[in-house]
N, C-alpha and C. Protein backbone atom coordinates (compact mmCIF):
# COMPACT_ATOMS: atom_id res chain seq x y z
N UNK A 1 -160.45 19.10 -56.20
CA UNK A 1 -159.77 18.90 -57.92
C UNK A 1 -160.95 18.93 -58.83
N UNK A 2 -162.29 18.95 -58.52
CA UNK A 2 -163.76 18.49 -59.15
C UNK A 2 -163.71 19.67 -60.58
N UNK A 3 -162.43 20.76 -60.85
CA UNK A 3 -162.92 21.47 -61.49
C UNK A 3 -161.30 21.23 -62.81
N UNK A 4 -160.74 19.81 -62.31
CA UNK A 4 -159.23 19.60 -63.08
C UNK A 4 -160.24 18.96 -64.17
N UNK A 5 -158.83 18.76 -64.99
CA UNK A 5 -159.08 17.98 -66.24
C UNK A 5 -159.31 16.40 -65.76
N UNK A 6 -158.05 16.26 -64.87
CA UNK A 6 -157.99 14.67 -64.65
C UNK A 6 -159.03 14.76 -64.03
N UNK A 7 -159.49 15.29 -63.14
CA UNK A 7 -160.98 14.48 -62.16
C UNK A 7 -161.84 14.17 -63.03
N UNK A 8 -162.18 14.78 -64.20
CA UNK A 8 -163.52 14.82 -65.21
C UNK A 8 -163.20 13.64 -65.86
N UNK A 9 -161.90 13.34 -65.94
CA UNK A 9 -161.54 11.93 -67.17
C UNK A 9 -161.78 10.83 -66.18
N UNK A 10 -161.32 10.64 -64.81
CA UNK A 10 -161.52 9.74 -63.74
C UNK A 10 -163.19 10.00 -63.54
N UNK A 11 -164.20 10.77 -63.82
CA UNK A 11 -165.38 11.06 -63.04
C UNK A 11 -166.18 10.28 -64.34
N UNK A 12 -165.33 10.42 -65.44
CA UNK A 12 -166.23 10.13 -66.88
C UNK A 12 -166.39 8.37 -66.91
N UNK A 13 -164.63 8.14 -66.70
CA UNK A 13 -164.74 7.03 -66.95
C UNK A 13 -165.58 6.24 -65.60
N UNK A 14 -165.91 6.23 -64.99
CA UNK A 14 -166.51 5.74 -63.61
C UNK A 14 -167.63 5.80 -64.15
N UNK A 15 -168.73 7.38 -64.87
CA UNK A 15 -169.94 7.06 -65.35
C UNK A 15 -169.83 6.50 -66.72
N UNK A 16 -169.27 6.31 -67.47
CA UNK A 16 -169.52 5.46 -68.85
C UNK A 16 -169.60 3.85 -68.50
N UNK A 17 -168.76 3.45 -66.91
CA UNK A 17 -168.79 1.80 -66.80
C UNK A 17 -169.93 1.70 -65.97
N UNK A 18 -170.55 2.89 -65.56
CA UNK A 18 -171.41 2.44 -64.45
C UNK A 18 -172.92 3.25 -64.09
N UNK A 19 -173.28 3.61 -65.10
CA UNK A 19 -174.51 4.67 -65.14
C UNK A 19 -175.11 4.41 -66.10
N UNK A 20 -176.37 3.67 -66.42
CA UNK A 20 -176.86 3.14 -68.01
C UNK A 20 -177.38 4.28 -68.63
N UNK A 21 -177.58 5.26 -67.63
CA UNK A 21 -178.31 6.74 -68.60
C UNK A 21 -177.22 7.85 -69.00
N UNK A 22 -175.59 6.73 -69.07
CA UNK A 22 -174.75 7.54 -69.50
C UNK A 22 -174.63 7.04 -71.13
N UNK A 23 -174.35 8.07 -72.18
CA UNK A 23 -175.00 8.01 -73.53
C UNK A 23 -173.79 7.07 -73.96
N UNK A 24 -172.66 6.80 -73.49
CA UNK A 24 -171.75 5.52 -73.73
C UNK A 24 -171.70 4.37 -72.77
N UNK A 25 -172.71 4.39 -72.28
CA UNK A 25 -172.21 3.20 -71.58
C UNK A 25 -172.84 2.18 -72.29
N UNK A 26 -173.30 1.79 -73.16
CA UNK A 26 -173.70 0.48 -73.97
C UNK A 26 -172.23 -0.04 -74.28
N UNK A 27 -171.25 1.06 -74.97
CA UNK A 27 -169.86 1.16 -75.29
C UNK A 27 -168.47 0.67 -74.23
N UNK A 28 -169.40 0.63 -73.14
CA UNK A 28 -168.55 0.23 -71.69
C UNK A 28 -168.98 -0.41 -70.97
N UNK A 29 -169.71 -0.11 -69.44
CA UNK A 29 -170.40 -0.58 -68.99
C UNK A 29 -171.48 -1.84 -69.40
N UNK A 30 -172.12 -1.62 -70.39
CA UNK A 30 -173.20 -2.29 -70.76
C UNK A 30 -172.00 -3.71 -71.49
N UNK A 31 -170.93 -3.48 -72.30
CA UNK A 31 -169.61 -4.57 -72.77
C UNK A 31 -169.24 -5.46 -71.81
N UNK A 32 -169.39 -4.71 -70.34
CA UNK A 32 -169.00 -5.38 -69.18
C UNK A 32 -167.44 -4.79 -69.07
N UNK A 33 -167.10 -3.73 -69.94
CA UNK A 33 -165.72 -3.23 -68.88
C UNK A 33 -165.94 -2.53 -67.39
N UNK A 34 -165.12 -2.55 -66.67
CA UNK A 34 -165.42 -2.02 -65.27
C UNK A 34 -164.12 -1.29 -65.20
N UNK A 35 -164.23 -0.57 -63.97
CA UNK A 35 -162.86 -0.05 -63.37
C UNK A 35 -162.48 -0.88 -62.11
N UNK A 36 -161.52 -0.92 -62.30
CA UNK A 36 -160.44 -1.72 -61.12
C UNK A 36 -161.01 -1.16 -59.56
N UNK A 37 -161.12 -1.84 -58.71
CA UNK A 37 -161.50 -1.50 -57.20
C UNK A 37 -160.70 -0.28 -56.91
N UNK A 38 -159.32 -0.03 -57.10
CA UNK A 38 -158.32 0.70 -56.42
C UNK A 38 -158.51 2.14 -57.21
N UNK A 39 -159.25 1.92 -58.30
CA UNK A 39 -159.27 3.58 -58.75
C UNK A 39 -161.06 3.63 -58.94
N UNK A 40 -161.58 2.95 -58.34
CA UNK A 40 -162.66 3.71 -57.60
C UNK A 40 -162.55 4.88 -56.81
N UNK A 41 -161.74 4.84 -56.40
CA UNK A 41 -161.03 5.99 -55.47
C UNK A 41 -160.08 7.34 -55.93
N UNK A 42 -160.55 8.15 -56.12
CA UNK A 42 -159.46 9.10 -56.89
C UNK A 42 -158.12 9.22 -56.17
N UNK A 43 -157.72 8.63 -55.34
CA UNK A 43 -156.68 8.92 -54.73
C UNK A 43 -155.73 8.11 -55.89
N UNK A 44 -156.49 6.72 -55.73
CA UNK A 44 -155.93 5.31 -56.39
C UNK A 44 -155.34 5.74 -57.79
N UNK A 45 -156.55 6.32 -58.38
CA UNK A 45 -156.42 6.50 -59.84
C UNK A 45 -154.92 7.72 -60.36
N UNK A 46 -155.31 8.27 -59.14
CA UNK A 46 -154.46 9.58 -59.27
C UNK A 46 -152.85 9.00 -58.53
N UNK A 47 -152.52 7.68 -57.92
CA UNK A 47 -151.28 7.83 -57.35
C UNK A 47 -150.83 6.77 -58.74
N UNK A 48 -151.63 6.02 -59.55
CA UNK A 48 -150.97 5.44 -60.80
C UNK A 48 -150.96 5.90 -62.12
N UNK A 49 -151.79 7.08 -62.21
CA UNK A 49 -151.86 7.36 -63.46
C UNK A 49 -151.65 8.87 -63.43
N UNK A 50 -151.78 9.49 -62.23
CA UNK A 50 -151.60 10.75 -62.44
C UNK A 50 -150.22 11.18 -62.60
N UNK A 51 -148.59 10.69 -62.47
CA UNK A 51 -147.35 10.87 -62.57
C UNK A 51 -147.05 11.43 -64.47
N UNK A 52 -147.89 10.60 -64.93
CA UNK A 52 -147.60 10.83 -66.33
C UNK A 52 -148.58 11.43 -67.03
N UNK A 53 -149.58 11.76 -66.39
CA UNK A 53 -150.46 12.85 -66.60
C UNK A 53 -150.11 14.18 -67.49
N UNK A 54 -150.55 14.26 -68.70
CA UNK A 54 -150.44 15.49 -69.52
C UNK A 54 -152.10 16.20 -70.01
N UNK A 55 -151.89 17.27 -70.39
CA UNK A 55 -153.45 18.09 -70.42
C UNK A 55 -153.61 17.60 -72.14
N UNK A 56 -152.33 17.21 -72.70
CA UNK A 56 -152.77 17.05 -73.82
C UNK A 56 -153.43 15.14 -74.47
N UNK A 57 -153.40 14.50 -73.24
CA UNK A 57 -153.24 13.37 -73.62
C UNK A 57 -155.13 12.89 -73.05
N UNK A 58 -155.33 11.55 -73.64
CA UNK A 58 -156.46 11.34 -73.20
C UNK A 58 -156.80 9.71 -72.86
N UNK A 59 -157.16 8.94 -71.12
CA UNK A 59 -157.01 8.15 -71.30
C UNK A 59 -157.15 7.05 -72.03
N UNK A 60 -156.54 6.00 -72.53
CA UNK A 60 -156.47 4.58 -72.87
C UNK A 60 -156.43 3.26 -72.33
N UNK A 61 -157.60 2.37 -72.65
CA UNK A 61 -157.47 1.03 -72.38
C UNK A 61 -156.51 0.56 -73.46
N UNK A 62 -155.64 -0.49 -72.91
CA UNK A 62 -154.63 -0.70 -74.44
C UNK A 62 -155.20 -1.90 -74.65
N UNK A 63 -155.88 -2.89 -74.19
CA UNK A 63 -157.05 -3.66 -74.54
C UNK A 63 -158.27 -3.50 -74.62
N UNK A 64 -158.53 -3.34 -75.39
CA UNK A 64 -160.33 -2.83 -75.66
C UNK A 64 -161.16 -3.38 -75.21
N UNK A 65 -160.89 -4.19 -74.96
CA UNK A 65 -162.34 -5.70 -74.31
C UNK A 65 -161.47 -5.66 -72.73
N UNK A 66 -160.26 -4.87 -72.53
CA UNK A 66 -160.19 -5.35 -71.33
C UNK A 66 -160.68 -3.79 -69.86
N UNK A 67 -160.40 -4.29 -69.22
CA UNK A 67 -161.01 -2.73 -67.74
C UNK A 67 -160.22 -1.86 -67.82
N UNK A 68 -160.91 -1.14 -67.02
CA UNK A 68 -159.54 0.15 -66.71
C UNK A 68 -158.67 0.18 -65.26
N UNK A 69 -157.79 -0.33 -65.73
CA UNK A 69 -157.05 -0.78 -64.59
C UNK A 69 -155.37 -0.64 -64.78
N UNK A 70 -154.40 -0.81 -63.97
CA UNK A 70 -153.51 -0.54 -63.94
C UNK A 70 -152.70 -1.53 -64.75
N UNK A 71 -151.52 -0.93 -65.75
CA UNK A 71 -151.65 -2.32 -66.55
C UNK A 71 -152.33 -2.30 -68.03
N UNK A 72 -153.20 -2.11 -67.82
CA UNK A 72 -154.16 -1.88 -69.13
C UNK A 72 -154.79 -0.20 -69.32
N UNK A 73 -153.84 0.43 -69.30
CA UNK A 73 -154.38 2.12 -69.56
C UNK A 73 -152.91 2.82 -69.73
N UNK A 74 -153.09 3.58 -70.75
CA UNK A 74 -152.33 4.57 -70.59
C UNK A 74 -152.53 6.25 -70.70
N UNK A 75 -151.77 7.11 -71.05
CA UNK A 75 -152.45 7.88 -71.64
C UNK A 75 -151.77 8.13 -72.77
N UNK A 76 -152.93 8.64 -74.15
CA UNK A 76 -152.45 8.96 -75.41
C UNK A 76 -153.05 9.85 -76.07
N UNK A 77 -152.64 10.14 -76.65
CA UNK A 77 -153.47 11.63 -77.81
C UNK A 77 -154.25 11.09 -78.68
N UNK A 78 -155.18 11.76 -78.85
CA UNK A 78 -156.21 11.58 -79.35
C UNK A 78 -155.95 10.75 -80.85
N UNK A 79 -154.67 11.00 -81.73
CA UNK A 79 -154.41 10.30 -83.18
C UNK A 79 -154.06 9.25 -82.66
N UNK A 80 -153.40 8.65 -81.33
CA UNK A 80 -153.00 7.34 -80.76
C UNK A 80 -153.80 6.27 -80.73
N UNK A 81 -155.15 7.16 -80.00
CA UNK A 81 -156.40 6.36 -79.43
C UNK A 81 -156.97 6.10 -80.48
N UNK A 82 -157.28 7.07 -81.42
CA UNK A 82 -158.30 6.77 -82.49
C UNK A 82 -157.62 5.57 -83.29
N UNK A 83 -156.37 5.00 -83.22
CA UNK A 83 -155.65 3.68 -83.90
C UNK A 83 -156.10 2.38 -83.35
N UNK A 84 -156.55 2.84 -81.93
CA UNK A 84 -156.68 1.61 -80.88
C UNK A 84 -158.33 1.49 -80.82
N UNK A 85 -159.23 1.59 -81.60
CA UNK A 85 -160.34 0.78 -81.48
C UNK A 85 -160.95 0.11 -81.51
N UNK A 86 -161.94 -0.86 -81.50
CA UNK A 86 -162.66 -1.95 -81.61
C UNK A 86 -162.67 -2.16 -83.47
N UNK A 87 -163.28 -1.21 -83.98
CA UNK A 87 -163.29 -1.07 -85.40
C UNK A 87 -162.43 -0.72 -86.69
N UNK A 88 -161.10 -0.46 -85.65
CA UNK A 88 -159.60 -0.03 -86.22
C UNK A 88 -159.64 -1.40 -87.55
N UNK A 89 -159.26 -0.75 -88.56
CA UNK A 89 -158.56 -1.76 -89.75
C UNK A 89 -157.37 -2.26 -89.98
N UNK A 90 -156.59 -2.87 -89.70
CA UNK A 90 -154.87 -2.79 -89.83
C UNK A 90 -154.73 -3.48 -91.40
N UNK A 91 -153.72 -2.93 -92.10
CA UNK A 91 -153.66 -3.20 -93.55
C UNK A 91 -151.95 -3.89 -93.60
N UNK A 92 -151.62 -4.87 -93.78
CA UNK A 92 -150.55 -5.79 -93.79
C UNK A 92 -149.96 -6.02 -94.96
N UNK A 93 -148.80 -5.67 -95.12
CA UNK A 93 -148.04 -5.48 -96.62
C UNK A 93 -146.13 -5.54 -95.54
N UNK A 94 -145.20 -6.17 -96.34
CA UNK A 94 -144.23 -6.99 -96.64
C UNK A 94 -144.00 -6.57 -94.72
N UNK A 95 -144.88 -6.92 -93.66
CA UNK A 95 -144.45 -7.46 -92.85
C UNK A 95 -144.83 -6.75 -91.69
N UNK A 96 -145.56 -5.85 -91.87
CA UNK A 96 -146.05 -4.39 -90.95
C UNK A 96 -147.43 -4.45 -91.07
N UNK A 97 -147.83 -4.20 -89.96
CA UNK A 97 -149.32 -3.84 -90.30
C UNK A 97 -149.50 -2.68 -89.36
N UNK A 98 -150.53 -2.02 -90.59
CA UNK A 98 -150.92 -0.15 -90.01
C UNK A 98 -152.03 0.24 -90.35
N UNK A 99 -152.40 1.09 -89.93
CA UNK A 99 -153.55 1.95 -90.12
C UNK A 99 -153.53 2.93 -91.41
N UNK A 100 -154.40 2.37 -92.53
CA UNK A 100 -154.23 3.85 -93.74
C UNK A 100 -154.03 5.21 -93.25
N UNK A 101 -154.08 5.83 -92.37
CA UNK A 101 -153.30 6.92 -91.74
C UNK A 101 -151.84 7.03 -91.86
N UNK A 102 -151.51 5.45 -91.04
CA UNK A 102 -150.08 5.51 -90.83
C UNK A 102 -149.23 4.90 -92.57
N UNK A 103 -149.88 3.98 -93.33
CA UNK A 103 -149.18 3.90 -94.38
C UNK A 103 -149.17 5.41 -94.93
N UNK A 104 -150.10 6.25 -95.31
CA UNK A 104 -149.73 7.27 -96.40
C UNK A 104 -148.76 8.28 -95.42
N UNK A 105 -148.76 8.16 -94.32
CA UNK A 105 -147.48 8.88 -93.75
C UNK A 105 -146.33 8.23 -94.26
N UNK A 106 -146.19 7.20 -94.17
CA UNK A 106 -144.85 5.94 -94.09
C UNK A 106 -144.89 6.63 -95.97
N UNK A 107 -145.63 6.29 -96.65
CA UNK A 107 -145.12 6.43 -98.11
C UNK A 107 -145.53 8.19 -98.56
N UNK A 108 -145.51 9.00 -98.20
CA UNK A 108 -145.90 10.38 -98.42
C UNK A 108 -147.33 10.43 -99.27
N UNK A 109 -147.86 9.56 -99.22
CA UNK A 109 -149.45 9.87 -99.92
C UNK A 109 -150.36 10.44 -99.21
N UNK A 110 -151.78 10.77 -99.43
CA UNK A 110 -152.99 11.17 -99.39
C UNK A 110 -153.62 9.72 -99.32
N UNK A 111 -153.84 9.87 -97.40
CA UNK A 111 -154.90 8.81 -96.89
C UNK A 111 -156.10 8.39 -97.46
N UNK A 112 -156.60 9.59 -98.18
CA UNK A 112 -158.11 9.37 -98.91
C UNK A 112 -157.33 8.42 -100.65
N UNK A 113 -156.62 8.94 -101.19
CA UNK A 113 -156.16 8.20 -102.36
C UNK A 113 -156.41 6.33 -101.54
N UNK A 114 -155.59 6.22 -100.50
CA UNK A 114 -155.42 4.79 -100.38
C UNK A 114 -156.72 4.38 -99.56
N UNK A 115 -157.59 5.39 -99.31
CA UNK A 115 -158.78 4.76 -98.88
C UNK A 115 -159.86 4.64 -100.10
N UNK A 116 -159.84 5.43 -101.24
CA UNK A 116 -160.16 5.26 -102.46
C UNK A 116 -159.81 4.18 -102.97
N UNK A 117 -158.70 4.16 -103.37
CA UNK A 117 -157.84 2.77 -103.80
C UNK A 117 -158.58 1.27 -103.66
N UNK A 118 -158.54 1.26 -102.16
CA UNK A 118 -158.87 -0.06 -101.42
C UNK A 118 -160.44 -0.36 -101.40
N UNK A 119 -161.00 0.79 -100.84
CA UNK A 119 -162.66 0.44 -100.72
C UNK A 119 -163.10 0.50 -101.75
N UNK A 120 -163.01 2.13 -102.35
CA UNK A 120 -164.08 2.12 -103.71
C UNK A 120 -163.60 1.68 -105.16
N UNK A 121 -162.09 1.49 -105.28
CA UNK A 121 -161.74 0.71 -106.32
C UNK A 121 -161.16 -0.82 -106.40
N UNK A 122 -161.25 -1.40 -104.83
CA UNK A 122 -161.22 -2.59 -104.68
C UNK A 122 -159.86 -3.15 -105.18
N UNK A 123 -158.67 -2.25 -105.07
CA UNK A 123 -157.60 -2.65 -105.38
C UNK A 123 -156.88 -3.13 -103.99
N UNK A 124 -155.80 -4.21 -104.33
CA UNK A 124 -155.24 -5.08 -103.71
C UNK A 124 -154.46 -4.40 -102.16
N UNK A 125 -154.10 -4.70 -101.19
CA UNK A 125 -153.18 -3.88 -100.49
C UNK A 125 -151.98 -3.36 -101.45
N UNK A 126 -151.38 -4.59 -101.66
CA UNK A 126 -150.31 -4.54 -102.44
C UNK A 126 -149.94 -3.46 -103.47
N UNK A 127 -151.23 -3.35 -104.07
CA UNK A 127 -151.05 -2.17 -105.51
C UNK A 127 -151.01 -1.14 -105.02
N UNK A 128 -152.63 -0.86 -103.98
CA UNK A 128 -152.92 0.62 -103.43
C UNK A 128 -151.56 1.08 -102.59
N UNK A 129 -151.06 0.14 -102.13
CA UNK A 129 -149.79 0.99 -101.33
C UNK A 129 -148.10 0.93 -102.68
N UNK A 130 -148.48 0.79 -103.69
CA UNK A 130 -147.10 0.74 -104.21
C UNK A 130 -147.85 1.76 -105.51
N UNK A 131 -148.60 1.33 -106.04
CA UNK A 131 -148.77 1.95 -107.41
C UNK A 131 -148.46 3.55 -107.42
N UNK A 132 -147.72 3.84 -108.63
CA UNK A 132 -147.43 5.37 -108.38
C UNK A 132 -146.21 5.64 -107.06
N UNK A 133 -145.81 4.86 -106.19
CA UNK A 133 -144.85 5.25 -105.07
C UNK A 133 -143.64 5.53 -105.42
N UNK A 134 -142.83 5.80 -105.26
CA UNK A 134 -141.42 6.35 -105.48
C UNK A 134 -140.71 5.16 -104.93
N UNK A 135 -139.85 4.22 -106.08
CA UNK A 135 -139.79 3.15 -105.21
C UNK A 135 -138.50 3.23 -104.44
N UNK A 136 -137.97 4.33 -104.23
CA UNK A 136 -137.07 4.59 -102.61
C UNK A 136 -137.71 4.55 -101.36
N UNK A 137 -139.07 5.05 -101.86
CA UNK A 137 -140.07 5.12 -100.40
C UNK A 137 -140.34 3.49 -100.33
N UNK A 138 -140.46 2.57 -100.95
CA UNK A 138 -140.45 1.37 -100.61
C UNK A 138 -139.31 0.11 -100.17
N UNK A 139 -138.27 0.86 -100.63
CA UNK A 139 -137.28 0.34 -100.80
C UNK A 139 -136.67 0.05 -99.07
N UNK A 140 -137.21 0.71 -98.13
CA UNK A 140 -137.41 0.67 -96.51
C UNK A 140 -137.76 -0.35 -95.75
N UNK A 141 -139.13 -0.85 -96.74
CA UNK A 141 -140.44 -1.73 -95.76
C UNK A 141 -140.15 -2.56 -96.24
């Protein structure tokens, strides 16, 4: 299996949590992130994660501070995984918490426009998400 993508994902998971020479070690093993005992063996990992694997997905820890283990891992798209990082900032508006990219989709806006409004111009979240937005887009929020 050493030539398969899922094997390389498993191997990379082990390397970044155990090998101080790995470029990613400081963000994983260096922070105390471990791989559960069952997943130290490829067969255990495949038994738990193999059935839901797809080539367009990556392994994601649901709790970014938790270990690689059943119950804390799932397969996710690159976009989903980008929203589940330690530095991800959520913006709350009308009871919903979303990242800028998701607010832009909901409101049919350009994400760069929202980013500029909040970070460059210092607008409040409410103003950034409502100014110039069609009222029918806001009605469902």
